[in-house]
């Protein structure tokens, strides 16, 4: 089971690969759309990569509730527990 810090780091790497954003910019309080400027297509790619990396399933219906990086980290932590 990954810690929230490990999940945050892994998510930052995935977001960096998809968008080119520096991993340091990926902080728990940041909004995917407002702060990180991630569109829905990139978000779906990030979700698929996160599912593979962390061995979790994130249904499309749940993705819309993941507004911030912290939301995603908490969700993945809960799913992988």
PDB file of N, CA and C in Angstrom:
ATOM      1  N   UNK A   1       0.840  -1.192   0.000  1.00  0.00           N
ATOM      2  CA  UNK A   1       0.000   0.000   0.000  1.00  0.00           C
ATOM      3  C   UNK A   1       0.884   1.255   0.000  1.00  0.00           C
ATOM      4  N   UNK A   2       0.625   2.138  -0.926  1.00  0.00           N
ATOM      5  CA  UNK A   2       1.420   3.355  -1.045  1.00  0.00           C
ATOM      6  C   UNK A   2       0.932   4.412  -0.057  1.00  0.00           C
ATOM      7  N   UNK A   3       1.878   5.190   0.464  1.00  0.00           N
ATOM      8  CA  UNK A   3       1.508   6.306   1.336  1.00  0.00           C
ATOM      9  C   UNK A   3       0.966   7.445   0.478  1.00  0.00           C
ATOM     10  N   UNK A   4       0.290   8.391   1.132  1.00  0.00           N
ATOM     11  CA  UNK A   4      -0.236   9.531   0.361  1.00  0.00           C
ATOM     12  C   UNK A   4       0.896  10.317  -0.290  1.00  0.00           C
ATOM     13  N   UNK A   5       2.046  10.377   0.367  1.00  0.00           N
ATOM     14  CA  UNK A   5       3.189  11.086  -0.217  1.00  0.00           C
ATOM     15  C   UNK A   5       3.690  10.365  -1.472  1.00  0.00           C
ATOM     16  N   UNK A   6       3.718   9.033  -1.410  1.00  0.00           N
ATOM     17  CA  UNK A   6       4.139   8.252  -2.579  1.00  0.00           C
ATOM     18  C   UNK A   6       3.142   8.398  -3.722  1.00  0.00           C
ATOM     19  N   UNK A   7       1.864   8.420  -3.369  1.00  0.00           N
ATOM     20  CA  UNK A   7       0.827   8.603  -4.389  1.00  0.00           C
ATOM     21  C   UNK A   7       0.961   9.980  -5.019  1.00  0.00           C
ATOM     22  N   UNK A   8       1.175  11.003  -4.199  1.00  0.00           N
ATOM     23  CA  UNK A   8       1.351  12.367  -4.719  1.00  0.00           C
ATOM     24  C   UNK A   8       2.541  12.425  -5.676  1.00  0.00           C
ATOM     25  N   UNK A   9       3.651  11.814  -5.283  1.00  0.00           N
ATOM     26  CA  UNK A   9       4.844  11.801  -6.146  1.00  0.00           C
ATOM     27  C   UNK A   9       4.565  11.086  -7.463  1.00  0.00           C
ATOM     28  N   UNK A  10       3.901   9.932  -7.362  1.00  0.00           N
ATOM     29  CA  UNK A  10       3.582   9.171  -8.566  1.00  0.00           C
ATOM     30  C   UNK A  10       2.638   9.925  -9.480  1.00  0.00           C
ATOM     31  N   UNK A  11       1.648  10.563  -8.880  1.00  0.00           N
ATOM     32  CA  UNK A  11       0.689  11.357  -9.645  1.00  0.00           C
ATOM     33  C   UNK A  11       1.394  12.543 -10.309  1.00  0.00           C
ATOM     34  N   UNK A  12       2.301  13.165  -9.589  1.00  0.00           N
ATOM     35  CA  UNK A  12       3.062  14.295 -10.145  1.00  0.00           C
ATOM     36  C   UNK A  12       3.861  13.846 -11.365  1.00  0.00           C
ATOM     37  N   UNK A  13       4.454  12.646 -11.296  1.00  0.00           N
ATOM     38  CA  UNK A  13       5.215  12.121 -12.447  1.00  0.00           C
ATOM     39  C   UNK A  13       4.298  11.879 -13.635  1.00  0.00           C
ATOM     40  N   UNK A  14       3.118  11.299 -13.373  1.00  0.00           N
ATOM     41  CA  UNK A  14       2.159  11.033 -14.451  1.00  0.00           C
ATOM     42  C   UNK A  14       1.715  12.346 -15.092  1.00  0.00           C
ATOM     43  N   UNK A  15       1.397  13.342 -14.270  1.00  0.00           N
ATOM     44  CA  UNK A  15       0.951  14.643 -14.779  1.00  0.00           C
ATOM     45  C   UNK A  15       2.079  15.318 -15.558  1.00  0.00           C
ATOM     46  N   UNK A  16       3.301  15.193 -15.065  1.00  0.00           N
ATOM     47  CA  UNK A  16       4.455  15.756 -15.766  1.00  0.00           C
ATOM     48  C   UNK A  16       4.612  15.117 -17.145  1.00  0.00           C
ATOM     49  N   UNK A  17       4.475  13.788 -17.223  1.00  0.00           N
ATOM     50  CA  UNK A  17       4.609  13.095 -18.507  1.00  0.00           C
ATOM     51  C   UNK A  17       3.513  13.520 -19.483  1.00  0.00           C
ATOM     52  N   UNK A  18       2.302  13.717 -18.966  1.00  0.00           N
ATOM     53  CA  UNK A  18       1.165  14.039 -19.827  1.00  0.00           C
ATOM     54  C   UNK A  18       1.165  15.505 -20.250  1.00  0.00           C
ATOM     55  N   UNK A  19       1.547  16.419 -19.346  1.00  0.00           N
ATOM     56  CA  UNK A  19       1.362  17.850 -19.609  1.00  0.00           C
ATOM     57  C   UNK A  19       2.661  18.643 -19.691  1.00  0.00           C
ATOM     58  N   UNK A  20       3.746  18.065 -19.171  1.00  0.00           N
ATOM     59  CA  UNK A  20       4.999  18.802 -19.126  1.00  0.00           C
ATOM     60  C   UNK A  20       5.118  19.728 -17.930  1.00  0.00           C
ATOM     61  N   UNK A  21       4.089  19.746 -17.067  1.00  0.00           N
ATOM     62  CA  UNK A  21       4.149  20.580 -15.858  1.00  0.00           C
ATOM     63  C   UNK A  21       5.242  20.062 -14.932  1.00  0.00           C
ATOM     64  N   UNK A  22       6.004  20.958 -14.302  1.00  0.00           N
ATOM     65  CA  UNK A  22       7.007  20.497 -13.325  1.00  0.00           C
ATOM     66  C   UNK A  22       6.328  19.753 -12.182  1.00  0.00           C
ATOM     67  N   UNK A  23       6.955  18.669 -11.726  1.00  0.00           N
ATOM     68  CA  UNK A  23       6.356  17.876 -10.652  1.00  0.00           C
ATOM     69  C   UNK A  23       6.161  18.709  -9.386  1.00  0.00           C
ATOM     70  N   UNK A  24       7.001  19.721  -9.177  1.00  0.00           N
ATOM     71  CA  UNK A  24       6.863  20.581  -7.992  1.00  0.00           C
ATOM     72  C   UNK A  24       5.564  21.390  -8.005  1.00  0.00           C
ATOM     73  N   UNK A  25       4.982  21.593  -9.197  1.00  0.00           N
ATOM     74  CA  UNK A  25       3.732  22.348  -9.305  1.00  0.00           C
ATOM     75  C   UNK A  25       2.524  21.528  -8.877  1.00  0.00           C
ATOM     76  N   UNK A  26       2.687  20.221  -8.815  1.00  0.00           N
ATOM     77  CA  UNK A  26       1.570  19.334  -8.491  1.00  0.00           C
ATOM     78  C   UNK A  26       1.471  19.200  -6.974  1.00  0.00           C
ATOM     79  N   UNK A  27       0.606  20.033  -6.391  1.00  0.00           N
ATOM     80  CA  UNK A  27       0.423  20.078  -4.942  1.00  0.00           C
ATOM     81  C   UNK A  27      -1.017  19.691  -4.604  1.00  0.00           C
ATOM     82  N   UNK A  28      -1.259  19.136  -3.398  1.00  0.00           N
ATOM     83  CA  UNK A  28      -2.600  18.652  -3.045  1.00  0.00           C
ATOM     84  C   UNK A  28      -3.723  19.680  -3.205  1.00  0.00           C
ATOM     85  N   UNK A  29      -3.443  20.946  -2.940  1.00  0.00           N
ATOM     86  CA  UNK A  29      -4.501  21.959  -2.987  1.00  0.00           C
ATOM     87  C   UNK A  29      -4.791  22.455  -4.405  1.00  0.00           C
ATOM     88  N   UNK A  30      -3.997  22.036  -5.369  1.00  0.00           N
ATOM     89  CA  UNK A  30      -4.159  22.542  -6.743  1.00  0.00           C
ATOM     90  C   UNK A  30      -5.336  21.872  -7.451  1.00  0.00           C
ATOM     91  N   UNK A  31      -6.123  22.694  -8.126  1.00  0.00           N
ATOM     92  CA  UNK A  31      -7.232  22.204  -8.940  1.00  0.00           C
ATOM     93  C   UNK A  31      -6.685  21.739 -10.285  1.00  0.00           C
ATOM     94  N   UNK A  32      -7.152  20.573 -10.739  1.00  0.00           N
ATOM     95  CA  UNK A  32      -6.686  20.070 -12.037  1.00  0.00           C
ATOM     96  C   UNK A  32      -7.005  21.037 -13.162  1.00  0.00           C
ATOM     97  N   UNK A  33      -8.218  21.593 -13.168  1.00  0.00           N
ATOM     98  CA  UNK A  33      -8.618  22.461 -14.278  1.00  0.00           C
ATOM     99  C   UNK A  33      -8.179  23.903 -14.073  1.00  0.00           C
ATOM    100  N   UNK A  34      -8.420  24.459 -12.889  1.00  0.00           N
ATOM    101  CA  UNK A  34      -8.155  25.879 -12.665  1.00  0.00           C
ATOM    102  C   UNK A  34      -6.667  26.191 -12.504  1.00  0.00           C
ATOM    103  N   UNK A  35      -5.965  25.391 -11.699  1.00  0.00           N
ATOM    104  CA  UNK A  35      -4.560  25.695 -11.406  1.00  0.00           C
ATOM    105  C   UNK A  35      -3.585  25.030 -12.376  1.00  0.00           C
ATOM    106  N   UNK A  36      -3.886  23.788 -12.753  1.00  0.00           N
ATOM    107  CA  UNK A  36      -2.948  23.030 -13.583  1.00  0.00           C
ATOM    108  C   UNK A  36      -3.339  23.025 -15.058  1.00  0.00           C
ATOM    109  N   UNK A  37      -4.529  23.573 -15.366  1.00  0.00           N
ATOM    110  CA  UNK A  37      -4.984  23.722 -16.749  1.00  0.00           C
ATOM    111  C   UNK A  37      -5.025  22.382 -17.492  1.00  0.00           C
ATOM    112  N   UNK A  38      -5.531  21.341 -16.816  1.00  0.00           N
ATOM    113  CA  UNK A  38      -5.627  20.017 -17.422  1.00  0.00           C
ATOM    114  C   UNK A  38      -7.018  19.851 -18.014  1.00  0.00           C
ATOM    115  N   UNK A  39      -7.080  19.547 -19.314  1.00  0.00           N
ATOM    116  CA  UNK A  39      -8.389  19.375 -19.961  1.00  0.00           C
ATOM    117  C   UNK A  39      -8.893  17.948 -19.761  1.00  0.00           C
ATOM    118  N   UNK A  40     -10.117  17.707 -20.187  1.00  0.00           N
ATOM    119  CA  UNK A  40     -10.758  16.418 -19.912  1.00  0.00           C
ATOM    120  C   UNK A  40     -10.038  15.257 -20.597  1.00  0.00           C
ATOM    121  N   UNK A  41      -9.495  15.494 -21.778  1.00  0.00           N
ATOM    122  CA  UNK A  41      -8.777  14.431 -22.489  1.00  0.00           C
ATOM    123  C   UNK A  41      -7.498  14.048 -21.740  1.00  0.00           C
ATOM    124  N   UNK A  42      -6.734  15.055 -21.330  1.00  0.00           N
ATOM    125  CA  UNK A  42      -5.523  14.790 -20.556  1.00  0.00           C
ATOM    126  C   UNK A  42      -5.863  14.131 -19.230  1.00  0.00           C
ATOM    127  N   UNK A  43      -6.968  14.549 -18.627  1.00  0.00           N
ATOM    128  CA  UNK A  43      -7.385  13.986 -17.347  1.00  0.00           C
ATOM    129  C   UNK A  43      -7.663  12.494 -17.487  1.00  0.00           C
ATOM    130  N   UNK A  44      -8.314  12.100 -18.584  1.00  0.00           N
ATOM    131  CA  UNK A  44      -8.606  10.681 -18.788  1.00  0.00           C
ATOM    132  C   UNK A  44      -7.308   9.877 -18.947  1.00  0.00           C
ATOM    133  N   UNK A  45      -6.335  10.438 -19.637  1.00  0.00           N
ATOM    134  CA  UNK A  45      -5.041   9.770 -19.788  1.00  0.00           C
ATOM    135  C   UNK A  45      -4.358   9.629 -18.432  1.00  0.00           C
ATOM    136  N   UNK A  46      -4.418  10.695 -17.636  1.00  0.00           N
ATOM    137  CA  UNK A  46      -3.822  10.680 -16.296  1.00  0.00           C
ATOM    138  C   UNK A  46      -4.500   9.607 -15.437  1.00  0.00           C
ATOM    139  N   UNK A  47      -5.828   9.530 -15.531  1.00  0.00           N
ATOM    140  CA  UNK A  47      -6.583   8.533 -14.757  1.00  0.00           C
ATOM    141  C   UNK A  47      -6.164   7.116 -15.152  1.00  0.00           C
ATOM    142  N   UNK A  48      -6.100   6.849 -16.454  1.00  0.00           N
ATOM    143  CA  UNK A  48      -5.712   5.512 -16.927  1.00  0.00           C
ATOM    144  C   UNK A  48      -4.310   5.165 -16.435  1.00  0.00           C
ATOM    145  N   UNK A  49      -3.395   6.107 -16.547  1.00  0.00           N
ATOM    146  CA  UNK A  49      -2.023   5.858 -16.090  1.00  0.00           C
ATOM    147  C   UNK A  49      -1.957   5.657 -14.579  1.00  0.00           C
ATOM    148  N   UNK A  50      -2.768   6.412 -13.839  1.00  0.00           N
ATOM    149  CA  UNK A  50      -2.802   6.264 -12.380  1.00  0.00           C
ATOM    150  C   UNK A  50      -3.381   4.901 -11.996  1.00  0.00           C
ATOM    151  N   UNK A  51      -4.413   4.469 -12.730  1.00  0.00           N
ATOM    152  CA  UNK A  51      -4.994   3.148 -12.463  1.00  0.00           C
ATOM    153  C   UNK A  51      -3.935   2.063 -12.631  1.00  0.00           C
ATOM    154  N   UNK A  52      -3.151   2.162 -13.704  1.00  0.00           N
ATOM    155  CA  UNK A  52      -2.096   1.175 -13.955  1.00  0.00           C
ATOM    156  C   UNK A  52      -1.010   1.244 -12.890  1.00  0.00           C
ATOM    157  N   UNK A  53      -0.578   2.453 -12.588  1.00  0.00           N
ATOM    158  CA  UNK A  53       0.531   2.632 -11.645  1.00  0.00           C
ATOM    159  C   UNK A  53       0.179   2.164 -10.233  1.00  0.00           C
ATOM    160  N   UNK A  54      -1.040   2.476  -9.789  1.00  0.00           N
ATOM    161  CA  UNK A  54      -1.412   2.202  -8.395  1.00  0.00           C
ATOM    162  C   UNK A  54      -2.309   0.972  -8.235  1.00  0.00           C
ATOM    163  N   UNK A  55      -2.671   0.329  -9.364  1.00  0.00           N
ATOM    164  CA  UNK A  55      -3.482  -0.874  -9.293  1.00  0.00           C
ATOM    165  C   UNK A  55      -4.878  -0.635  -8.734  1.00  0.00           C
ATOM    166  N   UNK A  56      -5.460   0.510  -9.089  1.00  0.00           N
ATOM    167  CA  UNK A  56      -6.813   0.835  -8.631  1.00  0.00           C
ATOM    168  C   UNK A  56      -7.721   1.024  -9.845  1.00  0.00           C
ATOM    169  N   UNK A  57      -9.016   1.053  -9.587  1.00  0.00           N
ATOM    170  CA  UNK A  57     -10.005   1.325 -10.632  1.00  0.00           C
ATOM    171  C   UNK A  57     -10.681   2.643 -10.273  1.00  0.00           C
ATOM    172  N   UNK A  58     -10.692   3.583 -11.222  1.00  0.00           N
ATOM    173  CA  UNK A  58     -11.348   4.878 -10.994  1.00  0.00           C
ATOM    174  C   UNK A  58     -12.460   5.012 -12.038  1.00  0.00           C
ATOM    175  N   UNK A  59     -13.706   4.681 -11.655  1.00  0.00           N
ATOM    176  CA  UNK A  59     -14.821   4.776 -12.616  1.00  0.00           C
ATOM    177  C   UNK A  59     -15.002   6.207 -13.119  1.00  0.00           C
ATOM    178  N   UNK A  60     -15.461   6.326 -14.378  1.00  0.00           N
ATOM    179  CA  UNK A  60     -15.682   7.643 -14.979  1.00  0.00           C
ATOM    180  C   UNK A  60     -16.562   8.526 -14.098  1.00  0.00           C
ATOM    181  N   UNK A  61     -17.565   7.928 -13.455  1.00  0.00           N
ATOM    182  CA  UNK A  61     -18.469   8.705 -12.603  1.00  0.00           C
ATOM    183  C   UNK A  61     -17.734   9.332 -11.422  1.00  0.00           C
ATOM    184  N   UNK A  62     -16.652   8.708 -10.968  1.00  0.00           N
ATOM    185  CA  UNK A  62     -15.892   9.244  -9.838  1.00  0.00           C
ATOM    186  C   UNK A  62     -14.887  10.310 -10.273  1.00  0.00           C
ATOM    187  N   UNK A  63     -14.432  10.229 -11.522  1.00  0.00           N
ATOM    188  CA  UNK A  63     -13.414  11.182 -12.003  1.00  0.00           C
ATOM    189  C   UNK A  63     -13.912  12.617 -11.876  1.00  0.00           C
ATOM    190  N   UNK A  64     -15.199  12.842 -12.176  1.00  0.00           N
ATOM    191  CA  UNK A  64     -15.728  14.216 -12.122  1.00  0.00           C
ATOM    192  C   UNK A  64     -15.694  14.798 -10.713  1.00  0.00           C
ATOM    193  N   UNK A  65     -15.617  13.924  -9.694  1.00  0.00           N
ATOM    194  CA  UNK A  65     -15.547  14.396  -8.306  1.00  0.00           C
ATOM    195  C   UNK A  65     -14.126  14.702  -7.850  1.00  0.00           C
ATOM    196  N   UNK A  66     -13.153  14.341  -8.667  1.00  0.00           N
ATOM    197  CA  UNK A  66     -11.749  14.581  -8.305  1.00  0.00           C
ATOM    198  C   UNK A  66     -11.337  15.949  -8.844  1.00  0.00           C
ATOM    199  N   UNK A  67     -11.618  16.973  -8.051  1.00  0.00           N
ATOM    200  CA  UNK A  67     -11.383  18.352  -8.497  1.00  0.00           C
ATOM    201  C   UNK A  67      -9.932  18.785  -8.271  1.00  0.00           C
ATOM    202  N   UNK A  68      -9.344  18.322  -7.167  1.00  0.00           N
ATOM    203  CA  UNK A  68      -7.981  18.743  -6.831  1.00  0.00           C
ATOM    204  C   UNK A  68      -7.052  17.539  -6.805  1.00  0.00           C
ATOM    205  N   UNK A  69      -5.776  17.829  -6.813  1.00  0.00           N
ATOM    206  CA  UNK A  69      -4.763  16.774  -6.700  1.00  0.00           C
ATOM    207  C   UNK A  69      -4.975  16.005  -5.398  1.00  0.00           C
ATOM    208  N   UNK A  70      -5.292  16.729  -4.319  1.00  0.00           N
ATOM    209  CA  UNK A  70      -5.530  16.090  -3.027  1.00  0.00           C
ATOM    210  C   UNK A  70      -6.712  15.131  -3.064  1.00  0.00           C
ATOM    211  N   UNK A  71      -7.773  15.505  -3.804  1.00  0.00           N
ATOM    212  CA  UNK A  71      -8.926  14.610  -3.966  1.00  0.00           C
ATOM    213  C   UNK A  71      -8.480  13.291  -4.589  1.00  0.00           C
ATOM    214  N   UNK A  72      -7.663  13.392  -5.626  1.00  0.00           N
ATOM    215  CA  UNK A  72      -7.199  12.195  -6.334  1.00  0.00           C
ATOM    216  C   UNK A  72      -6.302  11.349  -5.442  1.00  0.00           C
ATOM    217  N   UNK A  73      -5.407  11.993  -4.692  1.00  0.00           N
ATOM    218  CA  UNK A  73      -4.508  11.274  -3.794  1.00  0.00           C
ATOM    219  C   UNK A  73      -5.324  10.510  -2.745  1.00  0.00           C
ATOM    220  N   UNK A  74      -6.289  11.172  -2.124  1.00  0.00           N
ATOM    221  CA  UNK A  74      -7.139  10.539  -1.116  1.00  0.00           C
ATOM    222  C   UNK A  74      -7.929   9.372  -1.707  1.00  0.00           C
ATOM    223  N   UNK A  75      -8.456   9.587  -2.903  1.00  0.00           N
ATOM    224  CA  UNK A  75      -9.257   8.550  -3.567  1.00  0.00           C
ATOM    225  C   UNK A  75      -8.400   7.314  -3.822  1.00  0.00           C
ATOM    226  N   UNK A  76      -7.211   7.521  -4.396  1.00  0.00           N
ATOM    227  CA  UNK A  76      -6.316   6.398  -4.702  1.00  0.00           C
ATOM    228  C   UNK A  76      -5.886   5.697  -3.422  1.00  0.00           C
ATOM    229  N   UNK A  77      -5.588   6.467  -2.385  1.00  0.00           N
ATOM    230  CA  UNK A  77      -5.167   5.881  -1.097  1.00  0.00           C
ATOM    231  C   UNK A  77      -6.276   4.989  -0.548  1.00  0.00           C
ATOM    232  N   UNK A  78      -7.520   5.458  -0.640  1.00  0.00           N
ATOM    233  CA  UNK A  78      -8.658   4.700  -0.129  1.00  0.00           C
ATOM    234  C   UNK A  78      -8.868   3.418  -0.947  1.00  0.00           C
ATOM    235  N   UNK A  79      -8.716   3.528  -2.270  1.00  0.00           N
ATOM    236  CA  UNK A  79      -8.931   2.377  -3.149  1.00  0.00           C
ATOM    237  C   UNK A  79      -7.848   1.310  -2.975  1.00  0.00           C
ATOM    238  N   UNK A  80      -6.641   1.755  -2.667  1.00  0.00           N
ATOM    239  CA  UNK A  80      -5.531   0.802  -2.592  1.00  0.00           C
ATOM    240  C   UNK A  80      -5.341   0.265  -1.164  1.00  0.00           C
ATOM    241  N   UNK A  81      -6.145   0.745  -0.228  1.00  0.00           N
ATOM    242  CA  UNK A  81      -5.996   0.301   1.179  1.00  0.00           C
ATOM    243  C   UNK A  81      -6.443  -1.142   1.351  1.00  0.00           C
TER     244      UNK A  81
END
